Protein backbone atom coordinates (compact mmCIF):
# COMPACT_ATOMS: atom_id res chain seq x y z
CA MET A 1 -114.64 90.70 31.04
CA ARG A 2 -116.09 89.80 34.57
CA ARG A 3 -119.08 89.46 32.92
CA ASN A 4 -117.85 87.53 29.61
CA ARG A 5 -116.48 85.30 31.73
CA ARG A 6 -119.88 85.18 33.96
CA ARG A 7 -121.48 84.65 30.64
CA ALA A 8 -119.27 81.77 29.38
CA ALA A 9 -119.32 79.98 32.46
CA VAL A 10 -123.40 79.52 32.63
CA ALA A 11 -123.11 79.16 28.98
CA ALA A 12 -120.76 75.97 29.66
CA ALA A 13 -123.31 75.13 32.36
CA ILE A 14 -125.45 75.07 30.17
CA ALA A 15 -124.26 72.62 27.54
CA VAL A 16 -123.22 70.24 30.17
CA PHE A 17 -126.89 70.05 31.67
CA ALA A 18 -128.22 70.14 28.16
CA ALA A 19 -126.09 67.33 26.85
CA VAL A 20 -127.14 65.33 30.40
CA GLY A 21 -130.47 66.07 29.84
CA ALA A 22 -130.60 65.10 26.11
CA LEU A 23 -129.19 61.41 26.94
CA ALA A 24 -131.59 61.08 29.54
CA ALA A 25 -134.91 62.22 27.90
CA ARG A 26 -133.72 59.29 25.21
CA GLY A 27 -133.59 56.93 27.79
CA THR A 28 -130.07 55.68 27.15
CA SER A 29 -128.37 55.23 30.12
CA SER A 30 -128.52 51.20 30.41
CA THR A 31 -126.28 51.29 33.57
CA ALA A 32 -129.03 53.99 36.29
CA THR A 33 -129.24 52.29 40.09
CA PRO A 34 -132.31 50.52 40.14
CA THR A 35 -134.79 52.65 42.73
CA LYS A 36 -137.79 51.79 44.88
CA GLN A 37 -139.52 55.44 44.50
CA ALA A 38 -141.05 55.40 41.11
CA VAL A 39 -140.18 57.55 37.81
CA PRO A 40 -142.51 60.62 37.37
CA THR A 41 -144.82 60.80 34.27
CA TRP A 42 -146.39 63.91 32.42
CA ASN A 43 -149.08 63.26 35.14
CA ASP A 44 -146.53 64.36 38.23
CA VAL A 45 -145.38 67.41 36.20
CA ALA A 46 -148.35 68.74 34.26
CA PRO A 47 -150.05 70.30 37.04
CA ILE A 48 -146.53 71.96 38.05
CA PHE A 49 -146.04 73.35 34.37
CA ALA A 50 -149.72 74.73 34.16
CA ALA A 51 -149.46 76.16 37.40
CA LYS A 52 -145.80 78.40 36.91
CA CYS A 53 -144.67 77.82 33.22
CA ALA A 54 -147.93 77.23 30.58
CA GLY A 55 -148.34 81.20 31.25
CA CYS A 56 -145.70 82.17 29.21
CA HIS A 57 -145.01 78.91 27.35
CA MET A 58 -148.05 78.20 25.80
CA THR A 59 -149.23 78.34 22.04
CA GLY A 60 -148.81 81.95 21.06
CA GLY A 61 -147.26 83.04 23.71
CA ILE A 62 -143.86 85.10 24.79
CA ALA A 63 -141.73 82.34 25.22
CA PRO A 64 -139.89 80.49 22.67
CA PHE A 65 -141.54 77.09 22.70
CA SER A 66 -144.85 75.46 24.38
CA ILE A 67 -145.30 72.93 26.75
CA THR A 68 -148.81 73.08 26.99
CA SER A 69 -149.10 68.97 25.63
CA ALA A 70 -146.87 66.34 26.43
CA GLY A 71 -145.29 65.77 23.11
CA SER A 72 -144.37 69.04 23.00
CA ALA A 73 -143.03 69.18 26.66
CA ARG A 74 -140.95 65.99 25.93
CA ALA A 75 -139.62 67.77 22.89
CA HIS A 76 -137.62 70.36 24.99
CA ALA A 77 -137.28 68.55 27.96
CA ALA A 78 -133.27 68.98 27.87
CA ALA A 79 -134.19 72.58 28.02
CA ILE A 80 -136.84 72.41 30.94
CA LEU A 81 -133.98 70.23 32.72
CA THR A 82 -131.24 72.97 32.21
CA MET A 83 -133.06 76.10 32.91
CA THR A 84 -134.84 74.70 36.27
CA GLN A 85 -131.87 73.55 37.73
CA LEU A 86 -129.99 76.90 36.95
CA GLY A 87 -132.82 78.45 38.96
CA VAL A 88 -132.67 80.73 35.76
CA MET A 89 -137.17 79.49 34.94
CA PRO A 90 -139.11 80.42 35.82
CA PRO A 91 -138.14 83.42 36.35
CA TRP A 92 -138.14 85.47 39.73
CA PRO A 93 -135.70 88.29 39.81
CA PRO A 94 -135.93 89.13 43.42
CA GLY A 95 -132.91 87.70 45.50
CA PRO A 96 -133.38 84.93 48.88
CA ASP A 97 -132.32 88.56 50.70
CA SER A 98 -135.72 90.26 49.70
CA PRO A 99 -138.65 90.03 51.45
CA PRO A 100 -141.80 87.43 50.87
CA TYR A 101 -144.13 88.91 48.08
CA ILE A 102 -147.68 87.68 47.78
CA GLY A 103 -148.44 85.33 44.97
CA SER A 104 -144.31 84.27 44.95
CA GLU A 105 -145.45 80.87 45.49
CA ARG A 106 -147.09 80.69 42.15
CA ARG A 107 -143.75 81.78 40.69
CA ILE A 108 -140.78 79.82 42.49
CA LEU A 109 -140.35 76.04 42.15
CA THR A 110 -140.41 74.35 45.30
CA PRO A 111 -137.24 72.09 45.89
CA ALA A 112 -139.58 69.07 45.16
CA GLU A 113 -141.19 70.83 42.13
CA ARG A 114 -137.67 71.23 40.98
CA LYS A 115 -136.66 67.59 41.82
CA THR A 116 -139.91 65.96 40.28
CA ILE A 117 -138.94 67.92 36.88
CA ALA A 118 -135.69 66.60 37.00
CA ARG A 119 -136.20 62.90 38.01
CA TRP A 120 -139.02 63.01 35.06
CA VAL A 121 -136.72 64.41 32.07
CA GLN A 122 -133.73 61.92 33.64
CA GLY A 123 -136.52 58.84 33.73
CA GLY A 124 -136.91 59.25 30.05
CA ALA A 125 -139.35 61.96 30.10
CA GLU A 126 -142.66 59.80 29.76
CA ILE A 127 -145.96 60.93 28.66
CA GLY A 128 -147.57 57.93 28.73
CA LYS A 129 -151.05 58.61 26.86
CA GLY A 130 -150.33 61.99 26.62
CA GLY A 131 -152.56 65.18 27.03
CA THR A 132 -152.82 68.91 27.28
CA ILE A 133 -152.74 71.20 30.09
CA ASN A 134 -154.54 75.02 30.67
CA PRO A 135 -152.24 77.76 32.57
CA VAL A 136 -153.61 78.28 36.24
CA ARG A 137 -155.47 81.77 36.46
CA SER A 138 -156.32 83.40 39.54
CA ARG A 139 -159.45 85.17 39.92
CA SER A 140 -159.61 88.38 41.21
CA LEU A 141 -161.53 88.86 44.41
CA ALA A 142 -161.09 92.63 44.49
CA PRO A 143 -163.89 95.24 44.69
CA GLY A 144 -165.47 96.99 41.68
CA THR A 145 -166.74 96.64 38.22
CA ASP A 146 -164.41 95.88 35.32
CA LEU A 147 -164.02 98.87 32.60
CA SER A 148 -161.77 97.55 29.38
CA LEU A 149 -159.65 99.75 27.74
CA GLU A 150 -158.05 99.25 24.38
CA PRO A 151 -155.97 101.95 21.68
CA ALA A 152 -158.02 103.46 19.14
CA GLN A 153 -155.53 101.64 16.43
CA HIS A 154 -153.97 98.34 16.07
CA TYR A 155 -150.32 99.13 16.24
CA SER A 156 -147.37 97.09 14.22
CA PRO A 157 -144.49 96.58 16.50
CA HIS A 158 -140.92 97.49 14.99
CA ALA A 159 -137.33 97.22 16.54
CA ALA A 160 -135.61 100.60 16.58
CA GLY A 161 -131.79 100.17 16.29
CA GLY A 162 -132.21 97.11 14.45
CA GLY A 163 -132.75 94.92 17.87
CA LEU A 164 -135.51 92.93 18.73
CA ASP A 165 -137.41 95.05 21.32
CA ASP A 166 -140.01 97.89 20.80
CA TYR A 167 -141.05 100.09 23.68
CA HIS A 168 -144.83 101.71 22.98
CA CYS A 169 -146.98 103.94 24.74
CA PHE A 170 -150.71 104.24 24.05
CA LEU A 171 -153.61 106.26 25.07
CA LEU A 172 -156.13 105.05 26.72
CA GLU A 173 -159.61 106.70 27.72
CA PRO A 174 -161.65 105.83 30.94
CA HIS A 175 -164.13 108.72 30.52
CA LEU A 176 -164.30 109.05 34.10
CA LYS A 177 -167.12 111.59 35.25
CA GLN A 178 -165.94 110.74 38.87
CA ASP A 179 -162.80 109.83 40.72
CA VAL A 180 -162.26 106.14 41.14
CA PHE A 181 -160.16 103.63 42.70
CA VAL A 182 -157.94 101.06 40.46
CA THR A 183 -158.30 97.96 42.80
CA SER A 184 -157.28 95.69 39.75
CA ALA A 185 -155.11 95.24 36.60
CA GLN A 186 -155.62 92.71 33.99
CA ILE A 187 -153.62 93.38 30.56
CA LYS A 188 -155.24 91.03 27.47
CA PRO A 189 -152.39 91.07 25.04
CA GLY A 190 -153.66 91.01 21.29
CA GLU A 191 -150.55 89.38 20.29
CA ALA A 192 -149.42 87.36 23.13
CA ALA A 193 -146.11 85.93 21.63
CA LEU A 194 -144.93 90.01 21.24
CA VAL A 195 -146.01 91.23 24.54
CA HIS A 196 -143.27 90.96 27.46
CA HIS A 197 -144.49 93.59 30.07
CA VAL A 198 -146.61 96.28 30.26
CA ILE A 199 -146.90 99.33 32.91
CA LEU A 200 -149.99 101.64 33.55
CA PHE A 201 -149.78 104.93 34.39
CA GLU A 202 -152.53 108.03 35.16
CA ALA A 203 -151.73 110.61 32.97
CA ALA A 204 -153.71 113.52 34.33
CA GLY A 205 -153.91 117.80 33.83
CA SER A 206 -151.09 118.57 31.64
CA ASN A 207 -149.94 114.80 31.06
CA ALA A 208 -153.23 114.29 29.79
CA ASP A 209 -153.42 116.96 27.53
CA GLU A 210 -149.82 116.20 26.01
CA ALA A 211 -150.81 112.18 25.64
CA ARG A 212 -153.56 113.28 23.53
CA SER A 213 -151.58 115.55 21.59
CA LEU A 214 -148.75 112.32 20.90
CA ASN A 215 -152.04 110.08 20.13
CA LYS A 216 -153.51 112.65 17.71
CA ALA A 217 -150.04 113.30 16.09
CA SER A 218 -149.75 109.09 15.20
CA GLY A 219 -153.60 108.46 13.93
CA GLY A 220 -154.22 106.95 17.27
CA LYS A 221 -151.28 104.65 16.98
CA GLY A 222 -149.65 105.95 20.32
CA TRP A 223 -145.60 106.98 20.73
CA THR A 224 -142.69 105.39 21.08
CA CYS A 225 -141.38 105.64 24.77
CA PHE A 226 -138.50 104.22 26.79
CA GLY A 227 -137.89 103.85 30.53
CA GLY A 228 -141.50 105.88 30.93
CA PRO A 229 -144.66 107.29 29.80
CA GLY A 230 -142.83 109.61 27.47
CA LEU A 231 -144.35 112.81 28.63
CA ASP A 232 -142.40 116.00 29.56
CA ASP A 233 -143.68 116.00 33.11
CA ALA A 234 -142.53 112.49 33.47
CA HIS A 235 -139.29 113.40 34.77
CA PRO A 236 -137.68 114.07 38.04
CA ASP A 237 -137.89 117.44 38.44
CA VAL A 238 -135.61 119.43 41.07
CA SER A 239 -138.60 122.01 41.55
CA ALA A 240 -140.56 119.17 42.65
CA ALA A 241 -137.85 117.79 44.52
CA SER A 242 -140.48 118.07 47.57
CA SER A 243 -142.83 115.64 46.14
CA ASP A 244 -143.02 111.66 46.78
CA ARG A 245 -143.24 111.58 42.63
CA LEU A 246 -140.93 113.98 41.97
CA GLY A 247 -143.96 115.76 39.13
CA ALA A 248 -144.03 112.26 37.80
CA PRO A 249 -147.25 110.45 37.20
CA GLN A 250 -148.80 108.04 39.37
CA TRP A 251 -148.20 104.07 38.64
CA ILE A 252 -150.99 102.28 38.40
CA SER A 253 -150.09 98.76 38.04
CA ALA A 254 -147.44 96.75 36.29
CA TRP A 255 -147.99 93.21 34.14
CA VAL A 256 -146.22 90.55 32.83
CA PRO A 257 -147.12 87.05 31.28
CA GLY A 258 -147.95 84.97 34.20
CA ARG A 259 -148.12 87.52 36.96
CA THR A 260 -148.85 86.28 39.74
CA ALA A 261 -151.05 89.04 41.52
CA THR A 262 -153.14 91.37 39.20
CA ASP A 263 -155.22 92.38 42.84
CA LEU A 264 -153.58 95.60 44.78
CA PRO A 265 -153.02 94.77 48.48
CA ARG A 266 -156.54 93.65 49.87
CA GLY A 267 -158.03 97.48 51.12
CA THR A 268 -156.31 99.36 48.75
CA GLY A 269 -156.61 101.47 45.50
CA VAL A 270 -154.79 103.47 43.38
CA LEU A 271 -156.87 106.92 42.57
CA LEU A 272 -157.96 107.33 38.79
CA HIS A 273 -159.22 111.22 38.79
CA ALA A 274 -161.64 112.02 36.70
CA GLY A 275 -160.78 113.54 33.15
CA ALA A 276 -157.67 111.78 33.46
CA ALA A 277 -156.24 109.35 30.82
CA VAL A 278 -154.44 105.93 31.08
CA VAL A 279 -150.90 105.49 29.34
CA MET A 280 -150.11 102.38 28.58
CA GLN A 281 -146.34 101.57 28.36
CA VAL A 282 -146.44 97.85 26.01
CA HIS A 283 -142.63 96.23 26.14
CA TYR A 284 -143.02 93.71 22.58
CA ASN A 285 -139.74 91.35 22.49
CA LEU A 286 -139.49 90.67 18.83
CA ILE A 287 -138.50 86.83 18.68
CA HIS A 288 -141.29 85.81 16.93
CA PRO A 289 -142.96 87.28 13.72
CA ALA A 290 -143.94 90.79 14.50
CA HIS A 291 -148.39 91.55 13.94
CA PRO A 292 -150.61 94.29 14.55
CA ASP A 293 -151.25 94.04 18.16
CA LYS A 294 -154.22 95.96 20.18
CA SER A 295 -153.70 95.18 23.34
CA ARG A 296 -156.49 96.11 25.92
CA ALA A 297 -156.29 96.44 29.78
CA VAL A 298 -159.12 95.83 32.34
CA LEU A 299 -159.46 97.58 35.14
CA ARG A 300 -161.19 96.62 38.10
CA VAL A 301 -162.76 100.58 39.34
CA LEU A 302 -164.39 101.60 42.23
CA PRO A 303 -165.86 104.55 43.27
CA THR A 304 -164.22 106.47 45.70
CA LYS A 305 -167.01 107.76 47.59
CA ARG A 306 -167.82 105.59 50.81
CA SER A 307 -165.50 103.12 49.05
CA GLY A 308 -163.87 102.64 52.82
CA LEU A 309 -160.06 102.00 50.54
CA THR A 310 -157.09 103.30 51.36
CA PRO A 311 -155.20 105.14 48.83
CA LEU A 312 -151.72 103.98 47.68
CA ASP A 313 -148.92 106.48 46.29
CA THR A 314 -146.49 106.10 44.43
CA VAL A 315 -142.73 107.28 45.77
CA LEU A 316 -139.93 107.75 43.24
CA LEU A 317 -136.52 106.99 44.56
CA PRO A 318 -134.06 108.12 41.85
CA ALA A 319 -130.22 108.03 42.46
CA PRO A 320 -127.71 110.11 39.92
CA VAL A 321 -126.28 108.46 37.44
CA GLU A 322 -122.36 109.23 36.27
CA LEU A 323 -120.54 106.33 34.80
CA PRO A 324 -116.78 107.16 33.30
CA CYS A 325 -115.84 105.43 30.42
CA PRO A 326 -113.45 102.34 31.35
CA GLN A 327 -109.63 103.34 31.90
CA GLY A 328 -107.59 103.80 28.88
CA THR A 329 -110.39 104.52 26.75
CA HIS A 330 -109.69 108.09 24.16
CA SER A 331 -112.94 109.65 22.80
CA PRO A 332 -114.76 112.63 23.19
CA ALA A 333 -117.62 110.77 23.46
CA CYS A 334 -115.74 110.13 27.40
CA SER A 335 -116.29 113.19 28.25
CA ARG A 336 -119.01 114.47 31.01
CA ASP A 337 -119.83 117.60 29.25
CA GLN A 338 -119.99 115.69 25.86
CA ALA A 339 -122.74 113.38 27.30
CA ILE A 340 -124.74 116.51 28.62
CA ALA A 341 -124.52 117.93 25.33
CA ASP A 342 -125.86 115.01 23.72
CA GLU A 343 -128.61 114.85 26.18
CA THR A 344 -130.02 118.84 25.35
CA ARG A 345 -129.49 117.40 21.47
CA LYS A 346 -132.02 114.42 22.03
CA TYR A 347 -134.05 115.66 24.61
CA GLY A 348 -133.81 119.40 25.22
CA ARG A 349 -132.15 121.41 27.86
CA ASP A 350 -134.74 120.35 30.74
CA ALA A 351 -133.72 116.95 30.29
CA ALA A 352 -129.85 118.03 30.44
CA LEU A 353 -130.22 119.24 33.59
CA ILE A 354 -131.75 116.46 35.38
CA PRO A 355 -128.02 114.87 36.15
CA TYR A 356 -127.67 118.34 38.13
CA GLY A 357 -131.16 118.29 39.37
CA LEU A 358 -130.23 114.59 41.03
CA LEU A 359 -126.96 115.47 42.16
CA PHE A 360 -128.67 118.33 44.58
CA LEU A 361 -131.51 115.81 45.20
CA CYS A 362 -129.14 113.25 46.79
CA GLY A 363 -126.82 115.70 48.55
CA LYS A 364 -124.03 114.76 46.00
CA THR A 365 -121.21 116.20 43.85
CA LEU A 366 -119.33 115.04 41.07
CA ALA A 367 -116.58 114.57 43.83
CA ASP A 368 -118.81 111.41 45.04
CA TYR A 369 -118.15 109.76 41.68
CA PRO A 370 -114.50 109.28 40.60
CA GLN A 371 -113.61 109.06 36.86
CA ASN A 372 -111.25 106.56 37.52
CA VAL A 373 -113.30 103.53 37.26
CA GLY A 374 -110.66 100.74 36.31
CA ASP A 375 -112.13 98.91 33.80
CA GLY A 376 -115.72 100.09 34.54
CA HIS A 377 -117.55 96.59 35.61
CA ASP A 378 -118.24 97.93 38.79
CA VAL A 379 -119.54 101.30 39.07
CA ARG A 380 -122.09 101.98 42.01
CA THR A 381 -124.34 105.04 42.82
CA SER A 382 -127.19 105.29 45.91
CA CYS A 383 -129.68 108.16 47.08
CA ASP A 384 -131.08 108.50 50.71
CA LYS A 385 -134.67 109.67 51.27
CA ALA A 386 -135.60 110.74 54.41
CA VAL A 387 -139.34 109.47 55.44
CA THR A 388 -140.95 112.84 56.61
CA ARG A 389 -144.56 111.08 57.33
CA PRO A 390 -145.89 107.98 58.83
CA LEU A 391 -146.29 105.55 55.86
CA ARG A 392 -147.37 101.87 54.86
CA ILE A 393 -145.36 100.35 52.00
CA TYR A 394 -147.18 98.11 50.01
CA GLY A 395 -145.36 97.89 46.44
CA VAL A 396 -141.76 98.04 45.52
CA ALA A 397 -140.06 98.00 42.14
CA GLY A 398 -136.28 98.60 40.70
CA HIS A 399 -135.69 100.37 37.01
CA MET A 400 -132.48 100.44 35.43
CA HIS A 401 -131.67 100.00 31.84
CA LEU A 402 -128.93 97.34 29.86
CA ARG A 403 -125.91 98.29 31.82
CA GLY A 404 -127.44 97.48 35.41
CA VAL A 405 -126.40 94.78 37.13
CA ASP A 406 -128.01 95.15 40.87
CA ILE A 407 -130.16 96.80 42.72
CA LYS A 408 -131.65 97.03 45.85
CA ILE A 409 -133.90 99.23 48.07
CA GLU A 410 -133.51 99.20 51.98
CA LEU A 411 -135.24 100.64 54.63
CA ASP A 412 -132.68 102.00 57.35
CA PRO A 413 -129.66 100.49 55.92
CA GLY A 414 -127.02 100.16 58.88
CA THR A 415 -128.99 100.38 61.30
CA SER A 416 -130.64 98.02 64.23
CA ARG A 417 -133.62 98.56 62.32
CA ALA A 418 -132.46 97.75 58.71
CA LYS A 419 -134.32 95.83 55.96
CA THR A 420 -134.31 94.81 52.73
CA LEU A 421 -137.51 96.17 50.67
CA LEU A 422 -136.27 94.81 47.41
CA HIS A 423 -132.99 92.98 45.83
CA ILE A 424 -132.35 92.04 42.32
CA PRO A 425 -128.78 90.64 42.46
CA HIS A 426 -128.75 89.60 38.44
CA TRP A 427 -130.71 92.75 36.91
CA HIS A 428 -131.92 91.85 33.59
CA PHE A 429 -133.74 94.57 31.65
CA HIS A 430 -137.08 92.53 30.13
CA TRP A 431 -137.86 91.37 33.16
CA GLN A 432 -139.18 93.97 35.20
CA ASP A 433 -142.25 93.64 37.51
CA ALA A 434 -143.64 94.93 40.48
CA TYR A 435 -143.70 93.33 44.08
CA TYR A 436 -146.92 93.59 46.71
CA LEU A 437 -145.32 92.98 50.24
CA ARG A 438 -146.37 89.83 51.99
CA THR A 439 -146.43 91.77 55.31
CA PRO A 440 -146.32 95.47 54.62
CA ILE A 441 -143.56 97.43 55.95
CA ASP A 442 -144.02 100.88 58.25
CA ALA A 443 -141.89 103.45 57.97
CA GLY A 444 -142.07 107.35 59.69
CA PRO A 445 -140.51 110.57 60.50
CA GLY A 446 -136.44 109.47 60.99
CA ASP A 447 -136.67 106.68 58.98
CA THR A 448 -134.42 106.48 55.48
CA ILE A 449 -134.96 104.78 52.33
CA ARG A 450 -131.84 104.22 50.03
CA VAL A 451 -131.97 103.18 46.38
CA THR A 452 -128.48 101.16 45.44
CA CYS A 453 -127.39 100.35 41.58
CA ARG A 454 -124.39 98.83 40.28
CA PHE A 455 -123.70 99.43 36.77
CA ASP A 456 -121.16 97.94 33.91
CA ASN A 457 -120.15 100.32 31.84
CA SER A 458 -117.02 98.04 30.64
CA LEU A 459 -115.94 97.41 27.02
CA GLY A 460 -117.74 94.11 26.79
CA ALA A 461 -120.70 95.28 28.31
CA GLN A 462 -121.76 98.33 25.78
CA PRO A 463 -125.44 98.23 23.84
CA ILE A 464 -125.63 96.54 20.58
CA LEU A 465 -127.63 98.46 18.24
CA HIS A 466 -127.80 97.71 14.43
CA GLY A 467 -126.04 94.59 15.21
CA LYS A 468 -123.15 96.36 16.36
CA GLN A 469 -121.80 97.11 19.99
CA LEU A 470 -121.51 100.47 20.90
CA PRO A 471 -118.22 102.13 21.77
CA PRO A 472 -117.66 103.11 25.50
CA ARG A 473 -118.57 106.51 26.51
CA TYR A 474 -119.55 108.94 29.33
CA VAL A 475 -123.36 108.01 30.28
CA VAL A 476 -125.66 110.17 32.72
CA TRP A 477 -129.50 109.83 33.41
CA GLY A 478 -131.25 109.48 30.50
CA GLU A 479 -134.49 108.40 28.58
CA GLY A 480 -132.96 106.55 25.80
CA THR A 481 -132.21 102.91 25.29
CA THR A 482 -128.30 103.37 25.95
CA ASP A 483 -128.89 105.98 28.84
CA GLU A 484 -129.13 104.78 31.86
CA MET A 485 -131.45 105.34 35.23
CA CYS A 486 -131.05 104.10 38.77
CA LEU A 487 -134.99 104.31 39.94
CA GLY A 488 -136.66 102.85 43.07
CA LEU A 489 -140.57 102.53 43.36
CA LEU A 490 -142.66 102.38 46.22
CA GLN A 491 -146.40 101.83 46.54
CA VAL A 492 -147.21 103.45 49.89
CA ALA A 493 -150.35 104.76 51.90
CA THR A 494 -150.36 107.49 54.95
CA ARG A 495 -151.11 105.64 57.88
CA SER A 496 -152.66 107.61 60.93
CA ARG A 497 -149.84 107.94 63.73
């Protein structure tokens, strides 16, 4: 209910902003107080739109409308005013308590820019002689040579379960004869209007074998995946509890339209082994008509020998997921035993062991997760990981599914040394990214890294499938759209003491 009230409040605010903006854009106010400051024109707002908006809001882009022409921007002036003044656009999920990240200044509107946009709309959205803009692109300064990779076949996205989203994994074959460092990763969408975000994983050893087998079975069109690369060895595993990646594949890079930083931090690279494959997970958002897509990845690579680069590795920080039904809900689906049985049926016995493995990994028991959660709107979990070697933390990301509300990753919480590495206070599954710290943070033995997640499993927060809201159920960690995860991810380097 609280989430519904919050949505209603936001909707009301949007309606008010839109109404005011629409009137202002038509220039109907005859009682405006004269000002000595000139009213902004298209020439004033165009550079802002080019730098921080047009990467998504372009013709054929992922956004619902383009603002790369003066006329189109004016036509959507009311919406632009609404979303920029509410702070919803451009999207920047990290909260103000998060540390500075590389490239954030190219995504966040400054107060002066927000004011200029507001005054432009309220002054009538004047465009003068008009004109067009192109998105501002940053040039890669990473060392190495470019390697362009693409799937064997086009793929026609389609939404599973009648929704608007399709998560699909593709096999990319770099055919490497020697180990290389990836120093930059860029995605070239085939259908920019559909490609919402992309994550690249290394698939080596048995993961490479499985990826190639899945791709062959589909005739080169890839495979459906959600929450990860969709490989058997990509799950948290109790047997690999002592490893940073818990047996999961190496994360290479993430990309979203308008991404501010495609280069890895200077002096670093992600190791890609000879003979390994790359799995490209693509999130398609189908608000636009679907067309066959063949997106490609452009990796900048440098042979590891004599490169002088610092290798980055992935550290996974999972926490148990135990989400009981809201109080007063009575159904067989509200049984944890039934939830585990469902995981076994959907994904196999090994996947069903993960909820138990995560409790073990985090030193918790079911007694740490009360079954009476009230209306279910505020259910929390956390996990602490002891740092066992000297680390330098360069990058950070968080991951939940559809019931996620808030995720926070901290170093030494509750101590005088406490630092927030990432806090996303209003989680949105479809706006995921990885963030590189402007100033890397050191950690070492004696330090603790904690991931904390908050979920909403109330009646009104249940996922919608085939146009209908699902009934509440007990939710545990799982790969599926209607399952959940609580996962922090770090990109780190081992440093000398």
